[in-house]
Amino acid sequence: MERAIVLMGCAIGAGLALIAGIGPGIGEGYAAGKACEAIGRQPECKGDVTSTMLLGCAIAETTGIYGFVTGLLLLFVAPGLFLGML
């Protein structure tokens, strides 16, 4: 019974952690769209806009990666640790 509860909690937590990938996807798409608009208005600023957008997208992507790593840890590492404590 305890094993089932631990596995259920880890699976639910991993699913919730992987939802963190939605935010960076939306944010990066929005940033790319706004960058295209800015380049369309002022083509001479293409280099500055592109480099700033890529830096922002790289920073935003780290939150998705943290969620993915947390989900993997909850699926494969945490159940063994929690069951070892019981």
Protein backbone atom coordinates (compact mmCIF):
# COMPACT_ATOMS: atom_id res chain seq x y z
CA MET A 1 0.00 0.00 0.00
CA GLU A 2 2.77 2.45 0.91
CA ARG A 3 4.61 1.60 -2.30
CA ALA A 4 1.55 2.40 -4.39
CA ILE A 5 1.08 5.76 -2.67
CA VAL A 6 4.73 6.72 -3.22
CA LEU A 7 4.62 5.71 -6.88
CA MET A 8 1.34 7.57 -7.38
CA GLY A 9 2.71 10.73 -5.78
CA CYS A 10 5.86 10.60 -7.88
CA ALA A 11 3.88 10.07 -11.09
CA ILE A 12 1.53 12.97 -10.35
CA GLY A 13 4.45 15.21 -9.39
CA ALA A 14 6.31 14.32 -12.58
CA GLY A 15 3.25 15.13 -14.68
CA LEU A 16 2.87 18.49 -12.98
CA ALA A 17 6.58 19.23 -13.39
CA LEU A 18 6.40 18.57 -17.13
CA ILE A 19 3.62 21.14 -17.47
CA ALA A 20 6.43 23.67 -16.95
CA GLY A 21 7.36 23.14 -20.60
CA ILE A 22 4.24 24.97 -21.77
CA GLY A 23 5.33 28.38 -20.48
CA PRO A 24 8.65 28.60 -22.31
CA GLY A 25 7.03 27.44 -25.54
CA ILE A 26 4.42 30.17 -25.40
CA GLY A 27 6.95 32.80 -24.34
CA GLU A 28 9.47 31.93 -27.03
CA GLY A 29 6.79 31.95 -29.71
CA TYR A 30 5.61 35.35 -28.55
CA ALA A 31 9.18 36.70 -28.49
CA ALA A 32 9.90 35.39 -31.99
CA GLY A 33 6.70 36.97 -33.30
CA LYS A 34 7.53 40.34 -31.76
CA ALA A 35 11.08 40.12 -33.11
CA CYS A 36 9.71 39.53 -36.62
CA GLU A 37 7.46 42.56 -36.21
CA ALA A 38 10.39 44.69 -35.05
CA ILE A 39 12.58 43.56 -37.95
CA GLY A 40 9.69 44.26 -40.34
CA ARG A 41 9.43 47.82 -39.05
CA GLN A 42 13.17 48.53 -38.90
CA PRO A 43 15.20 46.07 -41.00
CA GLU A 44 18.47 47.80 -40.13
CA CYS A 45 18.15 46.61 -36.48
CA LYS A 46 18.01 42.94 -37.48
CA GLY A 47 21.28 41.95 -35.78
CA ASP A 48 20.46 43.60 -32.45
CA VAL A 49 16.91 42.28 -32.34
CA THR A 50 17.94 38.75 -33.29
CA SER A 51 20.75 38.51 -30.73
CA THR A 52 18.55 39.88 -27.94
CA MET A 53 15.72 37.50 -28.87
CA LEU A 54 18.03 34.47 -28.91
CA LEU A 55 19.46 35.37 -25.50
CA GLY A 56 15.96 35.80 -24.07
CA CYS A 57 14.78 32.51 -25.55
CA ALA A 58 17.81 30.69 -24.13
CA ILE A 59 17.10 32.04 -20.67
CA ALA A 60 13.39 31.20 -20.95
CA GLU A 61 14.19 27.66 -22.08
CA THR A 62 15.99 26.92 -18.80
CA THR A 63 12.67 26.83 -16.93
CA GLY A 64 11.43 24.11 -19.28
CA ILE A 65 14.64 22.17 -18.85
CA TYR A 66 14.37 22.43 -15.04
CA GLY A 67 10.83 21.06 -15.21
CA PHE A 68 11.91 18.22 -17.48
CA VAL A 69 14.81 17.24 -15.21
CA THR A 70 12.55 17.41 -12.16
CA GLY A 71 10.03 15.14 -13.88
CA LEU A 72 12.71 12.62 -14.80
CA LEU A 73 14.06 12.61 -11.25
CA LEU A 74 10.58 12.08 -9.85
CA LEU A 75 9.96 9.16 -12.21
CA PHE A 76 13.26 7.31 -11.94
CA VAL A 77 15.15 8.39 -8.82
CA ALA A 78 12.67 9.54 -6.19
CA PRO A 79 10.58 6.34 -5.87
CA GLY A 80 13.65 4.35 -4.86
CA LEU A 81 14.73 6.99 -2.37
CA PHE A 82 11.31 7.30 -0.78
CA LEU A 83 10.76 3.56 -0.63
CA GLY A 84 14.19 3.16 0.95
CA MET A 85 13.13 5.50 3.78
CA LEU A 86 9.97 3.53 4.58
